[in-house]
Amino acid sequence: MSDNSKSQDKAKKAGTSKGLVIVCIVAVVIIAVLIGIIVVMMNSSKSNENVTVEDSGENEKRPVLLTEDNIDDMADEILNQSEPEGVPMSYQVTMNSTWEFEDGETASRNAYVANSENNETPVYFDVIRNDTQEVIYQSPVIPLGMDLEDIVLDVDLDAGNYECTLVYHLLDEDQNTLTTVNMWLMVKVEN
């Protein structure tokens, strides 16, 4: 065998092993993303059940730590689970991340939240101060394709900047919460 054909064989083997490594990495990333989505969905649906440990008589089931030893078993378990009915798999957020108010009693000059026609369900949201956990605004239900402007806070805040969490509630036809989506929000009050 010539030196030229030996080097070609080595190059082919190196290319094949690099391709195999890339495929394995992509497969692990896809499995990890699927596991993450299902864990989030399971935790979200559990938080909506409002069942305490004392009421159920059972210990709360916790997610399992993903390791190299159990990744195949966990992937099989996830792939064999059925998708929860009626729970949207995605939600398109359309909003400003900073809301500005002249004072704590007037409508914001820029607060905007829309429920895109690309979404699957009506929504409502609550704005919660991160420092005190106080709910400072509760929206009405926003149907698909509609938006909300001229927002006036439910609480008269003093001048300052307030880090908040805007909690979207995705609803079924009876206005029961299917799942929630949390977004960071800065509320700025000038006077």
Protein backbone atom coordinates (compact mmCIF):
# COMPACT_ATOMS: atom_id res chain seq x y z
CA MET A 1 0.00 0.00 0.00
CA SER A 2 1.38 3.39 -0.92
CA ASP A 3 1.88 6.25 1.53
CA ASN A 4 -0.74 8.24 -0.37
CA SER A 5 -3.47 5.62 0.10
CA LYS A 6 -2.55 5.18 3.80
CA SER A 7 -2.95 8.90 4.41
CA GLN A 8 -6.27 8.87 2.54
CA ASP A 9 -7.50 5.99 4.77
CA LYS A 10 -6.45 7.90 7.89
CA ALA A 11 -8.22 11.03 6.66
CA LYS A 12 -11.42 9.06 5.98
CA LYS A 13 -11.30 7.46 9.46
CA ALA A 14 -10.70 10.85 11.11
CA GLY A 15 -13.58 12.40 9.16
CA THR A 16 -15.90 9.53 10.07
CA SER A 17 -15.05 9.72 13.78
CA LYS A 18 -15.51 13.51 13.82
CA GLY A 19 -18.92 13.09 12.17
CA LEU A 20 -19.90 10.45 14.73
CA VAL A 21 -18.86 12.71 17.61
CA ILE A 22 -20.90 15.60 16.17
CA VAL A 23 -23.97 13.37 15.74
CA CYS A 24 -23.65 12.14 19.35
CA ILE A 25 -23.34 15.69 20.69
CA VAL A 26 -26.40 16.83 18.72
CA ALA A 27 -28.40 13.81 19.98
CA VAL A 28 -27.46 14.54 23.62
CA VAL A 29 -28.43 18.22 23.22
CA ILE A 30 -31.81 17.29 21.70
CA ILE A 31 -32.51 14.80 24.50
CA ALA A 32 -31.52 17.38 27.14
CA VAL A 33 -33.84 19.98 25.59
CA LEU A 34 -36.72 17.49 25.52
CA ILE A 35 -36.10 16.56 29.14
CA GLY A 36 -36.00 20.24 30.12
CA ILE A 37 -39.29 20.98 28.35
CA ILE A 38 -41.06 18.05 29.96
CA VAL A 39 -39.71 18.83 33.45
CA VAL A 40 -40.91 22.44 33.12
CA MET A 41 -44.32 21.27 31.87
CA MET A 42 -44.63 18.71 34.66
CA ASN A 43 -43.68 21.27 37.32
CA SER A 44 -46.08 23.82 35.83
CA SER A 45 -49.00 21.39 35.79
CA LYS A 46 -48.22 20.31 39.37
CA SER A 47 -48.26 23.91 40.58
CA ASN A 48 -51.73 24.35 39.10
CA GLU A 49 -53.17 21.34 40.92
CA ASN A 50 -53.11 23.01 44.39
CA VAL A 51 -52.73 19.62 46.12
CA THR A 52 -50.70 19.49 49.31
CA VAL A 53 -48.67 16.52 50.50
CA GLU A 54 -51.03 16.08 53.45
CA ASP A 55 -54.05 15.94 51.13
CA SER A 56 -52.59 13.42 48.71
CA GLY A 57 -51.14 11.05 51.27
CA GLU A 58 -48.11 10.57 49.01
CA ASN A 59 -44.70 12.15 48.74
CA GLU A 60 -44.28 14.73 46.03
CA LYS A 61 -42.55 13.26 42.99
CA ARG A 62 -39.39 15.16 42.11
CA PRO A 63 -37.46 15.26 38.86
CA VAL A 64 -34.54 12.84 38.55
CA LEU A 65 -30.99 14.10 38.14
CA LEU A 66 -29.78 13.40 34.60
CA THR A 67 -26.47 11.49 34.46
CA GLU A 68 -24.53 9.57 31.84
CA ASP A 69 -25.75 6.33 33.43
CA ASN A 70 -29.48 7.11 33.24
CA ILE A 71 -29.74 9.31 30.13
CA ASP A 72 -30.99 6.45 27.92
CA ASP A 73 -33.66 5.41 30.46
CA MET A 74 -34.79 9.02 30.97
CA ALA A 75 -34.96 9.65 27.20
CA ASP A 76 -37.07 6.51 26.71
CA GLU A 77 -39.39 7.56 29.55
CA ILE A 78 -39.83 11.04 28.08
CA LEU A 79 -40.42 9.78 24.57
CA ASN A 80 -43.05 7.32 25.82
CA GLN A 81 -44.98 9.95 27.80
CA SER A 82 -48.00 11.48 26.16
CA GLU A 83 -48.20 15.21 25.69
CA PRO A 84 -50.55 16.93 28.17
CA GLU A 85 -53.82 17.77 26.43
CA GLY A 86 -54.64 21.38 25.81
CA VAL A 87 -51.36 22.80 27.15
CA PRO A 88 -49.76 25.10 24.56
CA MET A 89 -46.23 24.07 23.66
CA SER A 90 -45.17 27.67 22.98
CA TYR A 91 -46.27 31.23 23.61
CA GLN A 92 -45.28 34.34 21.66
CA VAL A 93 -44.65 37.19 24.11
CA THR A 94 -45.37 40.69 22.80
CA MET A 95 -44.74 43.41 25.40
CA ASN A 96 -42.46 46.25 26.51
CA SER A 97 -39.91 45.24 29.12
CA THR A 98 -39.88 48.70 30.73
CA TRP A 99 -43.08 50.53 31.67
CA GLU A 100 -42.86 54.24 32.42
CA PHE A 101 -45.38 56.14 34.54
CA GLU A 102 -45.47 59.88 35.28
CA ASP A 103 -46.77 59.02 38.75
CA GLY A 104 -48.38 56.07 40.52
CA GLU A 105 -51.93 57.01 39.54
CA THR A 106 -51.82 57.79 35.81
CA ALA A 107 -51.74 55.56 32.75
CA SER A 108 -48.36 54.50 31.45
CA ARG A 109 -47.18 56.28 28.33
CA ASN A 110 -45.61 53.14 26.89
CA ALA A 111 -46.87 49.97 28.64
CA TYR A 112 -48.03 47.52 26.00
CA VAL A 113 -48.99 43.84 26.09
CA ALA A 114 -50.51 41.89 23.19
CA ASN A 115 -51.77 38.36 22.76
CA SER A 116 -50.54 37.47 19.29
CA GLU A 117 -52.80 35.70 16.80
CA ASN A 118 -49.99 33.11 16.62
CA ASN A 119 -50.80 31.98 20.17
CA GLU A 120 -53.35 29.30 20.99
CA THR A 121 -55.21 30.64 24.04
CA PRO A 122 -56.52 33.81 25.68
CA VAL A 123 -54.37 35.12 28.54
CA TYR A 124 -54.40 37.39 31.53
CA PHE A 125 -51.40 38.54 33.52
CA ASP A 126 -50.39 39.77 36.95
CA VAL A 127 -47.50 42.14 37.68
CA ILE A 128 -45.71 41.25 40.92
CA ARG A 129 -43.01 43.33 42.62
CA ASN A 130 -39.90 41.17 43.05
CA ASP A 131 -38.87 42.80 46.36
CA THR A 132 -42.22 42.51 48.22
CA GLN A 133 -44.19 39.95 46.12
CA GLU A 134 -47.05 42.48 46.05
CA VAL A 135 -49.37 42.24 43.05
CA ILE A 136 -49.42 45.76 41.60
CA TYR A 137 -51.52 45.08 38.51
CA GLN A 138 -54.07 42.46 37.40
CA SER A 139 -55.08 42.54 33.76
CA PRO A 140 -58.38 41.56 32.21
CA VAL A 141 -58.44 38.50 29.94
CA ILE A 142 -56.83 39.33 26.59
CA PRO A 143 -58.35 37.38 23.66
CA LEU A 144 -56.22 36.18 20.75
CA GLY A 145 -55.12 39.02 18.49
CA MET A 146 -55.95 41.75 21.00
CA ASP A 147 -53.69 44.12 22.95
CA LEU A 148 -53.74 46.17 26.12
CA GLU A 149 -52.47 49.77 26.41
CA ASP A 150 -53.05 52.75 28.74
CA ILE A 151 -52.30 50.56 31.74
CA VAL A 152 -52.91 52.12 35.17
CA LEU A 153 -51.38 50.28 38.11
CA ASP A 154 -53.70 48.91 40.81
CA VAL A 155 -51.28 50.24 43.46
CA ASP A 156 -50.11 53.86 43.80
CA LEU A 157 -46.32 53.45 43.84
CA ASP A 158 -43.86 56.09 45.05
CA ALA A 159 -41.26 57.46 42.61
CA GLY A 160 -38.60 54.87 41.80
CA ASN A 161 -37.68 51.84 39.75
CA TYR A 162 -39.34 48.53 40.56
CA GLU A 163 -38.13 45.17 39.28
CA CYS A 164 -41.18 43.01 38.68
CA THR A 165 -42.30 39.70 37.25
CA LEU A 166 -45.14 39.68 34.76
CA VAL A 167 -46.88 36.29 35.06
CA TYR A 168 -48.93 35.29 32.01
CA HIS A 169 -51.75 32.79 32.64
CA LEU A 170 -52.60 30.82 29.48
CA LEU A 171 -56.26 29.88 29.72
CA ASP A 172 -58.61 27.16 28.52
CA GLU A 173 -62.16 27.91 27.31
CA ASP A 174 -63.42 28.01 30.94
CA GLN A 175 -60.67 30.48 31.99
CA ASN A 176 -58.78 27.82 33.95
CA THR A 177 -55.01 28.29 33.90
CA LEU A 178 -53.30 25.71 31.67
CA THR A 179 -49.80 26.98 32.36
CA THR A 180 -47.92 30.19 33.16
CA VAL A 181 -45.09 32.13 31.56
CA ASN A 182 -42.96 34.51 33.65
CA MET A 183 -41.28 37.59 32.19
CA TRP A 184 -39.00 40.20 33.78
CA LEU A 185 -40.41 43.74 33.82
CA MET A 186 -39.07 47.11 35.01
CA VAL A 187 -41.69 49.59 36.26
CA LYS A 188 -40.42 53.20 36.43
CA VAL A 189 -42.42 55.83 38.32
CA GLU A 190 -41.12 59.39 37.91
CA ASN A 191 -43.04 61.36 40.57
